[in-house]
Amino acid sequence: MSTRETVHPKTVAAGAARLDGDEPGWADRVEPLTLDMGHCTYCVLGQLYQRFDDGLDALGLDGARACALGFDVAVRSAESYGQLTQLWRAEIARRRARP
C-alpha cells in the first residue's frame, strides 16, 4: 500500500467554488505567505474561521468531504500538505488577478 498521495487541482477548484458561495471575497482574506494547509489555524479554513474544525462545522463538512474539496488530504504527509498548499496559493493568486 502506498503512502503517497497526488493532490489534484480539481479538488482545490471545487473547494474554492464552495467558498465563493459561502464566503464571497474569501481569497482576499487568506494570507498566502502564511498559508499552510497542514496547520489548523494557517490553512484556508483556519484563516477564515479561526480553526480548521470550526470551518468544517460552519460549512457542514465531514472529513471525506473536506478531502474532496481540497481542504484536507487523505494521506497526511508533509509532501501532500505541501502540494495542497501550493495549489491553494495558485488558486488565490488567480482570483486576486481577476479584474
N, C-alpha and C. Protein backbone atom coordinates (compact mmCIF):
# COMPACT_ATOMS: atom_id res chain seq x y z
N MET A 1 0.84 -1.18 0.00
CA MET A 1 0.00 0.00 0.00
C MET A 1 0.88 1.24 0.00
N SER A 2 0.60 2.16 -0.88
CA SER A 2 1.37 3.39 -1.00
C SER A 2 0.93 4.41 0.03
N THR A 3 1.91 5.16 0.55
CA THR A 3 1.58 6.24 1.47
C THR A 3 1.70 7.59 0.78
N ARG A 4 1.86 7.56 -0.53
CA ARG A 4 1.94 8.80 -1.32
C ARG A 4 0.56 9.14 -1.84
N GLU A 5 0.34 10.41 -1.97
CA GLU A 5 -0.93 10.89 -2.50
C GLU A 5 -0.65 12.02 -3.47
N THR A 6 -1.35 12.02 -4.57
CA THR A 6 -1.27 13.13 -5.50
C THR A 6 -2.49 14.00 -5.28
N VAL A 7 -2.27 15.25 -4.99
CA VAL A 7 -3.36 16.18 -4.76
C VAL A 7 -3.75 16.77 -6.11
N HIS A 8 -5.02 16.71 -6.44
CA HIS A 8 -5.49 17.15 -7.75
C HIS A 8 -6.01 18.59 -7.70
N PRO A 9 -5.62 19.41 -8.68
CA PRO A 9 -6.10 20.80 -8.73
C PRO A 9 -7.63 20.91 -8.76
N LYS A 10 -8.31 19.92 -9.31
CA LYS A 10 -9.77 19.97 -9.37
C LYS A 10 -10.40 19.98 -7.98
N THR A 11 -9.75 19.34 -7.00
CA THR A 11 -10.31 19.36 -5.66
C THR A 11 -10.24 20.77 -5.08
N VAL A 12 -9.14 21.45 -5.31
CA VAL A 12 -8.99 22.82 -4.82
C VAL A 12 -9.97 23.74 -5.54
N ALA A 13 -10.15 23.56 -6.84
CA ALA A 13 -11.11 24.36 -7.58
C ALA A 13 -12.52 24.16 -7.03
N ALA A 14 -12.85 22.93 -6.66
CA ALA A 14 -14.16 22.65 -6.08
C ALA A 14 -14.31 23.32 -4.72
N GLY A 15 -13.26 23.27 -3.91
CA GLY A 15 -13.30 23.93 -2.61
C GLY A 15 -13.41 25.43 -2.74
N ALA A 16 -12.70 26.00 -3.69
CA ALA A 16 -12.77 27.45 -3.93
C ALA A 16 -14.18 27.85 -4.37
N ALA A 17 -14.78 27.04 -5.22
CA ALA A 17 -16.15 27.32 -5.66
C ALA A 17 -17.12 27.26 -4.48
N ARG A 18 -16.90 26.31 -3.60
CA ARG A 18 -17.75 26.21 -2.41
C ARG A 18 -17.61 27.47 -1.55
N LEU A 19 -16.37 27.93 -1.37
CA LEU A 19 -16.15 29.15 -0.60
C LEU A 19 -16.76 30.37 -1.28
N ASP A 20 -16.74 30.40 -2.61
CA ASP A 20 -17.36 31.50 -3.33
C ASP A 20 -18.83 31.65 -2.94
N GLY A 21 -19.49 30.53 -2.75
CA GLY A 21 -20.91 30.56 -2.38
C GLY A 21 -21.14 30.91 -0.92
N ASP A 22 -20.27 30.41 -0.04
CA ASP A 22 -20.46 30.60 1.39
C ASP A 22 -19.72 31.80 1.98
N GLU A 23 -18.61 32.16 1.37
CA GLU A 23 -17.75 33.24 1.88
C GLU A 23 -17.26 34.11 0.73
N PRO A 24 -18.15 34.86 0.09
CA PRO A 24 -17.71 35.71 -1.04
C PRO A 24 -16.53 36.59 -0.62
N GLY A 25 -15.55 36.70 -1.51
CA GLY A 25 -14.36 37.51 -1.23
C GLY A 25 -13.34 36.81 -0.34
N TRP A 26 -13.51 35.51 -0.15
CA TRP A 26 -12.64 34.75 0.76
C TRP A 26 -11.17 34.87 0.38
N ALA A 27 -10.86 34.91 -0.90
CA ALA A 27 -9.45 34.91 -1.34
C ALA A 27 -8.70 36.15 -0.87
N ASP A 28 -9.42 37.24 -0.66
CA ASP A 28 -8.78 38.46 -0.17
C ASP A 28 -8.53 38.42 1.33
N ARG A 29 -9.13 37.46 2.01
CA ARG A 29 -8.97 37.36 3.47
C ARG A 29 -7.99 36.27 3.89
N VAL A 30 -7.45 35.54 2.92
CA VAL A 30 -6.47 34.49 3.21
C VAL A 30 -5.08 35.03 2.85
N GLU A 31 -4.15 34.90 3.77
CA GLU A 31 -2.78 35.37 3.56
C GLU A 31 -1.95 34.23 2.97
N PRO A 32 -1.61 34.32 1.67
CA PRO A 32 -0.89 33.22 1.03
C PRO A 32 0.51 32.98 1.59
N LEU A 33 1.16 34.00 2.11
CA LEU A 33 2.52 33.81 2.62
C LEU A 33 2.55 32.97 3.89
N THR A 34 1.50 33.03 4.69
CA THR A 34 1.46 32.21 5.91
C THR A 34 0.62 30.96 5.72
N LEU A 35 0.01 30.81 4.54
CA LEU A 35 -0.84 29.66 4.28
C LEU A 35 -0.06 28.36 4.46
N ASP A 36 -0.62 27.46 5.23
CA ASP A 36 -0.03 26.15 5.48
C ASP A 36 -1.19 25.18 5.67
N MET A 37 -1.48 24.40 4.65
CA MET A 37 -2.63 23.51 4.70
C MET A 37 -2.49 22.37 5.70
N GLY A 38 -1.32 22.20 6.25
CA GLY A 38 -1.10 21.18 7.27
C GLY A 38 -1.24 21.72 8.69
N HIS A 39 -1.63 22.98 8.83
CA HIS A 39 -1.74 23.62 10.14
C HIS A 39 -3.18 24.07 10.34
N CYS A 40 -3.75 23.76 11.50
CA CYS A 40 -5.19 24.00 11.71
C CYS A 40 -5.59 25.47 11.79
N THR A 41 -4.65 26.38 12.02
CA THR A 41 -5.02 27.80 12.05
C THR A 41 -4.46 28.58 10.85
N TYR A 42 -3.50 28.03 10.14
CA TYR A 42 -2.91 28.72 8.99
C TYR A 42 -3.41 28.18 7.65
N CYS A 43 -4.27 27.17 7.69
CA CYS A 43 -4.88 26.64 6.46
C CYS A 43 -5.96 27.60 5.99
N VAL A 44 -6.56 27.34 4.85
CA VAL A 44 -7.61 28.21 4.32
C VAL A 44 -8.76 28.33 5.32
N LEU A 45 -9.27 27.19 5.79
CA LEU A 45 -10.39 27.25 6.73
C LEU A 45 -9.99 27.88 8.05
N GLY A 46 -8.78 27.61 8.50
CA GLY A 46 -8.30 28.22 9.74
C GLY A 46 -8.22 29.73 9.64
N GLN A 47 -7.76 30.23 8.51
CA GLN A 47 -7.66 31.67 8.33
C GLN A 47 -9.03 32.33 8.21
N LEU A 48 -9.98 31.62 7.67
CA LEU A 48 -11.33 32.18 7.51
C LEU A 48 -12.20 32.01 8.75
N TYR A 49 -12.02 30.91 9.47
CA TYR A 49 -12.91 30.57 10.58
C TYR A 49 -12.20 30.39 11.93
N GLN A 50 -10.97 30.78 12.03
CA GLN A 50 -10.14 30.67 13.24
C GLN A 50 -9.45 29.31 13.38
N ARG A 51 -10.16 28.22 13.09
CA ARG A 51 -9.57 26.88 13.17
C ARG A 51 -10.19 26.00 12.07
N PHE A 52 -9.43 25.02 11.64
CA PHE A 52 -9.89 24.08 10.62
C PHE A 52 -11.23 23.46 10.99
N ASP A 53 -11.34 22.93 12.21
CA ASP A 53 -12.57 22.26 12.64
C ASP A 53 -13.76 23.22 12.67
N ASP A 54 -13.52 24.47 13.04
CA ASP A 54 -14.60 25.46 13.03
C ASP A 54 -15.09 25.70 11.60
N GLY A 55 -14.16 25.69 10.65
CA GLY A 55 -14.54 25.83 9.24
C GLY A 55 -15.36 24.65 8.76
N LEU A 56 -14.95 23.45 9.14
CA LEU A 56 -15.73 22.26 8.77
C LEU A 56 -17.15 22.38 9.31
N ASP A 57 -17.28 22.78 10.58
CA ASP A 57 -18.60 22.94 11.18
C ASP A 57 -19.43 24.00 10.45
N ALA A 58 -18.81 25.14 10.17
CA ALA A 58 -19.53 26.24 9.51
C ALA A 58 -20.03 25.83 8.12
N LEU A 59 -19.25 25.02 7.44
CA LEU A 59 -19.61 24.60 6.08
C LEU A 59 -20.39 23.28 6.06
N GLY A 60 -20.53 22.64 7.23
CA GLY A 60 -21.25 21.38 7.31
C GLY A 60 -20.54 20.24 6.63
N LEU A 61 -19.21 20.20 6.76
CA LEU A 61 -18.40 19.19 6.08
C LEU A 61 -17.88 18.14 7.05
N ASP A 62 -17.77 16.91 6.56
CA ASP A 62 -17.07 15.88 7.30
C ASP A 62 -15.67 15.71 6.69
N GLY A 63 -14.88 14.83 7.24
CA GLY A 63 -13.51 14.65 6.78
C GLY A 63 -13.40 14.24 5.32
N ALA A 64 -14.25 13.32 4.89
CA ALA A 64 -14.20 12.85 3.50
C ALA A 64 -14.55 13.98 2.54
N ARG A 65 -15.54 14.77 2.88
CA ARG A 65 -15.94 15.89 2.01
C ARG A 65 -14.87 16.97 2.01
N ALA A 66 -14.21 17.17 3.15
CA ALA A 66 -13.12 18.15 3.22
C ALA A 66 -11.99 17.75 2.27
N CYS A 67 -11.70 16.47 2.18
CA CYS A 67 -10.67 15.99 1.24
C CYS A 67 -11.13 16.19 -0.20
N ALA A 68 -12.39 15.90 -0.47
CA ALA A 68 -12.92 16.03 -1.83
C ALA A 68 -12.92 17.48 -2.30
N LEU A 69 -12.95 18.42 -1.36
CA LEU A 69 -12.95 19.84 -1.70
C LEU A 69 -11.58 20.49 -1.53
N GLY A 70 -10.55 19.68 -1.29
CA GLY A 70 -9.20 20.20 -1.21
C GLY A 70 -8.87 20.96 0.07
N PHE A 71 -9.66 20.77 1.12
CA PHE A 71 -9.36 21.40 2.40
C PHE A 71 -8.47 20.52 3.27
N ASP A 72 -8.35 19.25 2.91
CA ASP A 72 -7.53 18.31 3.66
C ASP A 72 -7.05 17.23 2.69
N VAL A 73 -6.18 16.38 3.17
CA VAL A 73 -5.67 15.26 2.37
C VAL A 73 -5.98 13.96 3.08
N ALA A 74 -6.12 12.90 2.31
CA ALA A 74 -6.40 11.59 2.89
C ALA A 74 -5.15 10.98 3.51
N VAL A 75 -4.02 11.16 2.84
CA VAL A 75 -2.74 10.65 3.34
C VAL A 75 -1.98 11.84 3.92
N ARG A 76 -1.94 11.93 5.22
CA ARG A 76 -1.34 13.09 5.87
C ARG A 76 0.17 12.96 5.89
N SER A 77 0.79 13.76 5.04
CA SER A 77 2.25 13.79 4.96
C SER A 77 2.67 15.21 4.61
N ALA A 78 3.91 15.53 4.93
CA ALA A 78 4.42 16.86 4.60
C ALA A 78 4.35 17.10 3.09
N GLU A 79 4.62 16.07 2.31
CA GLU A 79 4.57 16.20 0.86
C GLU A 79 3.15 16.52 0.37
N SER A 80 2.16 15.79 0.87
CA SER A 80 0.78 16.02 0.46
C SER A 80 0.30 17.41 0.86
N TYR A 81 0.60 17.80 2.10
CA TYR A 81 0.19 19.13 2.55
C TYR A 81 0.94 20.22 1.80
N GLY A 82 2.19 19.97 1.45
CA GLY A 82 2.94 20.93 0.66
C GLY A 82 2.33 21.14 -0.72
N GLN A 83 1.94 20.03 -1.37
CA GLN A 83 1.26 20.12 -2.67
C GLN A 83 -0.03 20.90 -2.55
N LEU A 84 -0.80 20.58 -1.52
CA LEU A 84 -2.09 21.23 -1.32
C LEU A 84 -1.92 22.73 -1.06
N THR A 85 -0.93 23.09 -0.28
CA THR A 85 -0.65 24.50 -0.01
C THR A 85 -0.32 25.24 -1.30
N GLN A 86 0.52 24.65 -2.15
CA GLN A 86 0.88 25.29 -3.41
C GLN A 86 -0.33 25.47 -4.33
N LEU A 87 -1.20 24.48 -4.36
CA LEU A 87 -2.40 24.58 -5.20
C LEU A 87 -3.32 25.69 -4.71
N TRP A 88 -3.48 25.82 -3.39
CA TRP A 88 -4.32 26.89 -2.85
C TRP A 88 -3.68 28.25 -3.10
N ARG A 89 -2.38 28.36 -2.97
CA ARG A 89 -1.72 29.63 -3.27
C ARG A 89 -1.95 30.04 -4.71
N ALA A 90 -1.87 29.09 -5.61
CA ALA A 90 -2.11 29.38 -7.03
C ALA A 90 -3.57 29.80 -7.26
N GLU A 91 -4.49 29.14 -6.60
CA GLU A 91 -5.90 29.49 -6.73
C GLU A 91 -6.17 30.90 -6.20
N ILE A 92 -5.59 31.23 -5.09
CA ILE A 92 -5.74 32.57 -4.52
C ILE A 92 -5.15 33.61 -5.46
N ALA A 93 -3.98 33.34 -6.01
CA ALA A 93 -3.34 34.28 -6.95
C ALA A 93 -4.22 34.50 -8.18
N ARG A 94 -4.81 33.42 -8.71
CA ARG A 94 -5.71 33.55 -9.87
C ARG A 94 -6.90 34.45 -9.54
N ARG A 95 -7.46 34.25 -8.39
CA ARG A 95 -8.64 35.02 -8.00
C ARG A 95 -8.29 36.49 -7.75
N ARG A 96 -7.15 36.73 -7.19
CA ARG A 96 -6.75 38.10 -6.92
C ARG A 96 -6.36 38.84 -8.21
N ALA A 97 -5.97 38.10 -9.23
CA ALA A 97 -5.56 38.71 -10.51
C ALA A 97 -6.76 39.06 -11.39
N ARG A 98 -7.93 38.57 -11.04
CA ARG A 98 -9.13 38.87 -11.84
C ARG A 98 -9.45 40.35 -11.76
N PRO A 99 -9.91 40.92 -12.88
CA PRO A 99 -10.28 42.35 -12.86
C PRO A 99 -11.50 42.63 -12.00
